[in-house]
Amino acid sequence: MPQPAADDRLIVALDVPDALAGLKLATEIGDAVSFYKIGLGMLTGGGLALANELKAEHGKRIFLDMKLFDIGATVEAAVRGLAQFDLDFLTVHGDPHVVRAAQEGKGASELRILAVTILTSLDRADLDASLIRPGDLQEIVLERAARALSAGADGVIASPQEAALIRALPEAEGKLIVTPGVRPAGAALGDQKRVATPAQAVADGADHVVVGRPVWQAEDPRAAAQAIVAELNSPQALRANA
């Protein structure tokens, strides 16, 4: 039976300890995955070096998940430095001043700036503990998404459960929606609280889904990735208004 080809709507999170483990996993998965996320947790373990190697030597697309947040000048300088590495996606927090600074920093590069709305590991109780204003979590996500997109973000990071609502925003036309918190049916939730299956996330408007543990903790990561790609190409993943 032919195996599904790589589909860049699937981004596999290399949430492993260091670059050596990440390269080993990417080699094991091979051509079943074309897009990888490298996060803050691997930064001191050679994450940037791995990003460059996967991009330059293996032809992979790279999502650098740094979630930058600082004063504008610092964000601009950090993004200017990262833009020289020819990466594909970079996350910043969705505060408008951060987004504007990141866009200035990326200059003429093709780096896409993605704004974080509310982390998918958080719920209303977590927002209360952080003194985030009262209100429905989805409403806050939508407002943050709209403000970030208006400030120039190329897309947003959001829970699958908010993807359809964000896709309906006027500000979201032509923008990317990337959804972490995606778990194949039957997979453990891990530290995520607002989740959906890959097919549901895409059907609700996501352009890319990010999957970590269900792939890299699988007995056969390559097969796990192929199963997700097959789901992304199933009838259940079709958008209602597509």
Protein backbone atom coordinates (compact mmCIF):
# COMPACT_ATOMS: atom_id res chain seq x y z
CA MET A 1 0.00 0.00 0.00
CA PRO A 2 1.51 3.42 -0.94
CA GLN A 3 2.39 5.65 2.00
CA PRO A 4 1.19 9.29 2.14
CA ALA A 5 3.78 11.85 1.06
CA ALA A 6 4.92 14.60 3.40
CA ASP A 7 2.34 17.33 3.89
CA ASP A 8 3.64 20.64 5.23
CA ARG A 9 0.36 21.26 7.04
CA LEU A 10 1.84 18.90 9.65
CA ILE A 11 4.55 20.50 11.77
CA VAL A 12 6.29 18.08 14.12
CA ALA A 13 7.54 19.62 17.34
CA LEU A 14 11.07 18.45 18.12
CA ASP A 15 10.54 18.76 21.87
CA VAL A 16 13.55 16.58 22.66
CA PRO A 17 16.54 17.44 24.88
CA ASP A 18 19.12 18.53 22.32
CA ALA A 19 20.10 18.85 18.68
CA LEU A 20 21.54 15.34 18.48
CA ALA A 21 18.25 13.80 19.62
CA GLY A 22 16.36 16.09 17.26
CA LEU A 23 18.50 15.15 14.26
CA LYS A 24 18.17 11.45 15.12
CA LEU A 25 14.39 11.76 15.25
CA ALA A 26 14.19 13.76 12.01
CA THR A 27 16.41 11.18 10.29
CA GLU A 28 14.20 8.36 11.56
CA ILE A 29 11.07 10.10 10.28
CA GLY A 30 12.76 10.84 6.96
CA ASP A 31 10.64 12.13 4.09
CA ALA A 32 7.36 11.57 5.96
CA VAL A 33 7.65 15.09 7.47
CA SER A 34 8.76 18.30 5.76
CA PHE A 35 8.22 20.87 8.54
CA TYR A 36 9.65 20.93 12.08
CA LYS A 37 9.20 23.16 15.12
CA ILE A 38 12.18 23.93 17.33
CA GLY A 39 11.29 25.58 20.60
CA LEU A 40 12.81 27.49 23.46
CA GLY A 41 13.52 24.32 25.41
CA MET A 42 16.17 23.27 22.89
CA LEU A 43 17.79 26.68 22.52
CA THR A 44 20.69 25.84 24.82
CA GLY A 45 20.92 22.34 23.38
CA GLY A 46 21.91 23.44 19.88
CA GLY A 47 18.46 24.36 18.60
CA LEU A 48 19.63 27.05 16.17
CA ALA A 49 22.34 24.78 14.79
CA LEU A 50 19.76 22.03 14.27
CA ALA A 51 17.41 24.48 12.56
CA ASN A 52 20.16 25.49 10.15
CA GLU A 53 21.15 21.89 9.44
CA LEU A 54 17.61 20.70 8.81
CA LYS A 55 16.97 23.69 6.55
CA ALA A 56 20.23 23.79 4.59
CA GLU A 57 21.15 20.13 4.36
CA HIS A 58 17.82 18.32 4.53
CA GLY A 59 15.50 20.80 2.81
CA LYS A 60 13.07 21.02 5.74
CA ARG A 61 10.93 24.00 6.64
CA ILE A 62 11.56 25.37 10.13
CA PHE A 63 9.26 26.95 12.69
CA LEU A 64 11.31 28.62 15.43
CA ASP A 65 9.04 28.85 18.45
CA MET A 66 10.68 31.49 20.65
CA LYS A 67 7.56 33.41 21.78
CA LEU A 68 9.58 36.62 22.00
CA PHE A 69 8.41 39.33 24.36
CA ASP A 70 10.34 42.46 25.36
CA ILE A 71 10.54 46.15 24.62
CA GLY A 72 10.24 46.98 20.94
CA ALA A 73 13.91 47.74 20.30
CA THR A 74 15.01 44.43 21.80
CA VAL A 75 12.44 42.39 19.86
CA GLU A 76 13.42 44.16 16.65
CA ALA A 77 17.10 43.41 17.21
CA ALA A 78 16.43 39.76 18.09
CA VAL A 79 14.28 39.21 15.01
CA ARG A 80 16.81 40.96 12.78
CA GLY A 81 19.42 38.48 13.98
CA LEU A 82 17.16 35.47 13.51
CA ALA A 83 16.00 36.57 10.05
CA GLN A 84 19.46 35.95 8.62
CA PHE A 85 19.05 32.20 9.15
CA ASP A 86 16.45 31.80 6.36
CA LEU A 87 13.85 30.18 8.62
CA ASP A 88 10.12 30.03 7.88
CA PHE A 89 8.04 30.85 10.99
CA LEU A 90 8.89 32.70 14.20
CA THR A 91 6.58 33.25 17.16
CA VAL A 92 6.25 36.40 19.23
CA HIS A 93 3.67 37.35 21.82
CA GLY A 94 0.68 39.02 20.23
CA ASP A 95 0.96 42.40 21.92
CA PRO A 96 0.79 44.97 19.10
CA HIS A 97 4.07 46.72 20.02
CA VAL A 98 5.88 43.34 19.91
CA VAL A 99 4.36 42.42 16.55
CA ARG A 100 5.25 45.76 14.99
CA ALA A 101 8.83 45.50 16.25
CA ALA A 102 9.16 41.95 14.91
CA GLN A 103 7.96 43.04 11.48
CA GLU A 104 10.54 45.82 11.48
CA GLY A 105 13.23 43.35 12.47
CA LYS A 106 12.47 40.79 9.78
CA GLY A 107 12.96 43.40 7.07
CA ALA A 108 12.74 42.03 3.54
CA SER A 109 13.22 38.41 4.61
CA GLU A 110 10.50 35.83 4.00
CA LEU A 111 10.28 34.97 7.70
CA ARG A 112 6.64 34.83 8.78
CA ILE A 113 5.83 36.40 12.14
CA LEU A 114 3.19 34.45 14.07
CA ALA A 115 1.55 35.98 17.12
CA VAL A 116 0.70 34.00 20.24
CA THR A 117 -2.79 34.73 21.57
CA ILE A 118 -3.31 32.66 24.73
CA LEU A 119 -1.14 29.58 25.28
CA THR A 120 -3.08 26.36 24.67
CA SER A 121 -1.89 25.01 28.03
CA LEU A 122 -3.87 27.73 29.85
CA ASP A 123 -7.48 27.96 30.91
CA ARG A 124 -9.54 30.64 32.66
CA ALA A 125 -8.20 29.68 36.10
CA ASP A 126 -4.64 30.18 34.84
CA LEU A 127 -5.55 33.61 33.47
CA ASP A 128 -7.06 34.57 36.83
CA ALA A 129 -3.86 33.52 38.58
CA SER A 130 -1.89 35.73 36.16
CA LEU A 131 -4.18 38.74 36.74
CA ILE A 132 -5.40 38.70 33.13
CA ARG A 133 -8.61 40.67 32.83
CA PRO A 134 -11.91 38.88 33.49
CA GLY A 135 -13.93 37.57 30.58
CA ASP A 136 -14.51 34.59 28.37
CA LEU A 137 -11.23 33.02 27.27
CA GLN A 138 -12.33 32.71 23.64
CA GLU A 139 -13.33 36.37 23.51
CA ILE A 140 -9.89 37.37 24.81
CA VAL A 141 -8.21 35.13 22.23
CA LEU A 142 -10.26 36.66 19.43
CA GLU A 143 -9.50 40.21 20.55
CA ARG A 144 -5.78 39.49 20.88
CA ALA A 145 -5.76 37.80 17.46
CA ALA A 146 -7.51 40.73 15.79
CA ARG A 147 -5.15 43.26 17.38
CA ALA A 148 -2.05 41.25 16.47
CA LEU A 149 -3.16 40.82 12.86
CA SER A 150 -4.01 44.51 12.60
CA ALA A 151 -0.49 45.27 13.89
CA GLY A 152 0.98 43.30 10.98
CA ALA A 153 1.34 39.70 12.12
CA ASP A 154 1.51 37.20 9.26
CA GLY A 155 -0.63 34.82 11.27
CA VAL A 156 -1.52 33.64 14.75
CA ILE A 157 -0.96 30.69 17.02
CA ALA A 158 -4.22 29.59 18.58
CA SER A 159 -6.05 26.63 20.04
CA PRO A 160 -7.90 24.47 17.51
CA GLN A 161 -11.07 25.37 19.36
CA GLU A 162 -10.63 29.03 18.38
CA ALA A 163 -9.48 28.41 14.80
CA ALA A 164 -12.92 28.72 13.20
CA LEU A 165 -13.70 31.92 15.10
CA ILE A 166 -10.37 33.49 14.17
CA ARG A 167 -10.75 32.41 10.53
CA ALA A 168 -14.03 34.35 10.45
CA LEU A 169 -12.37 37.61 11.56
CA PRO A 170 -12.03 40.22 8.80
CA GLU A 171 -8.42 40.77 9.94
CA ALA A 172 -7.64 37.07 9.31
CA GLU A 173 -8.18 37.16 5.55
CA GLY A 174 -5.04 35.84 3.86
CA LYS A 175 -3.35 35.19 7.21
CA LEU A 176 -2.03 31.95 8.69
CA ILE A 177 -3.54 30.05 11.59
CA VAL A 178 -1.22 27.55 13.24
CA THR A 179 -2.63 25.29 15.93
CA PRO A 180 -0.73 23.51 18.67
CA GLY A 181 -2.77 21.45 21.11
CA VAL A 182 -3.48 18.92 18.36
CA ARG A 183 -3.82 15.30 19.40
CA PRO A 184 -4.81 12.33 17.22
CA ALA A 185 -7.85 10.45 18.54
CA GLY A 186 -6.91 8.38 21.58
CA ALA A 187 -3.65 10.24 22.30
CA ALA A 188 -2.88 11.52 25.81
CA LEU A 189 -3.52 15.24 26.35
CA GLY A 190 -0.17 15.86 28.06
CA ASP A 191 0.04 19.49 29.21
CA GLN A 192 -2.58 20.73 26.75
CA LYS A 193 -6.07 21.73 27.89
CA ARG A 194 -7.71 23.02 24.68
CA VAL A 195 -7.25 20.31 22.07
CA ALA A 196 -8.69 18.87 18.85
CA THR A 197 -7.82 16.18 16.35
CA PRO A 198 -5.74 17.14 13.28
CA ALA A 199 -8.71 16.71 10.95
CA GLN A 200 -10.97 18.88 13.11
CA ALA A 201 -8.35 21.63 13.41
CA VAL A 202 -7.90 21.85 9.64
CA ALA A 203 -11.64 21.67 9.02
CA ASP A 204 -12.06 24.60 11.40
CA GLY A 205 -9.60 26.79 9.51
CA ALA A 206 -6.07 25.91 10.60
CA ASP A 207 -3.38 26.09 7.91
CA HIS A 208 -0.89 24.06 9.94
CA VAL A 209 -1.16 21.75 12.95
CA VAL A 210 1.66 21.20 15.43
CA VAL A 211 2.04 17.72 16.89
CA GLY A 212 4.78 16.72 19.32
CA ARG A 213 4.47 13.87 21.80
CA PRO A 214 2.13 11.67 19.71
CA VAL A 215 4.93 11.52 17.10
CA TRP A 216 8.20 11.56 19.01
CA GLN A 217 6.95 9.33 21.84
CA ALA A 218 5.49 6.79 19.41
CA GLU A 219 7.12 3.40 19.02
CA ASP A 220 7.36 4.18 15.30
CA PRO A 221 7.51 8.01 14.84
CA ARG A 222 7.54 7.75 11.05
CA ALA A 223 4.36 5.69 11.02
CA ALA A 224 2.74 8.04 13.53
CA ALA A 225 3.49 11.03 11.28
CA GLN A 226 2.17 9.20 8.23
CA ALA A 227 -1.07 8.43 10.06
CA ILE A 228 -1.55 12.12 10.84
CA VAL A 229 -0.88 13.07 7.20
CA ALA A 230 -3.48 10.52 6.13
CA GLU A 231 -5.96 12.10 8.55
CA LEU A 232 -5.21 15.58 7.18
CA ASN A 233 -6.17 14.29 3.74
CA SER A 234 -9.34 12.54 4.90
CA PRO A 235 -12.90 13.79 4.22
CA GLN A 236 -13.14 14.80 7.90
CA ALA A 237 -10.51 17.49 7.30
CA LEU A 238 -12.45 19.30 4.58
CA ARG A 239 -13.52 22.82 5.48
CA ALA A 240 -17.22 23.45 5.36
CA ASN A 241 -16.81 26.59 3.25
CA ALA A 242 -13.84 25.40 1.18
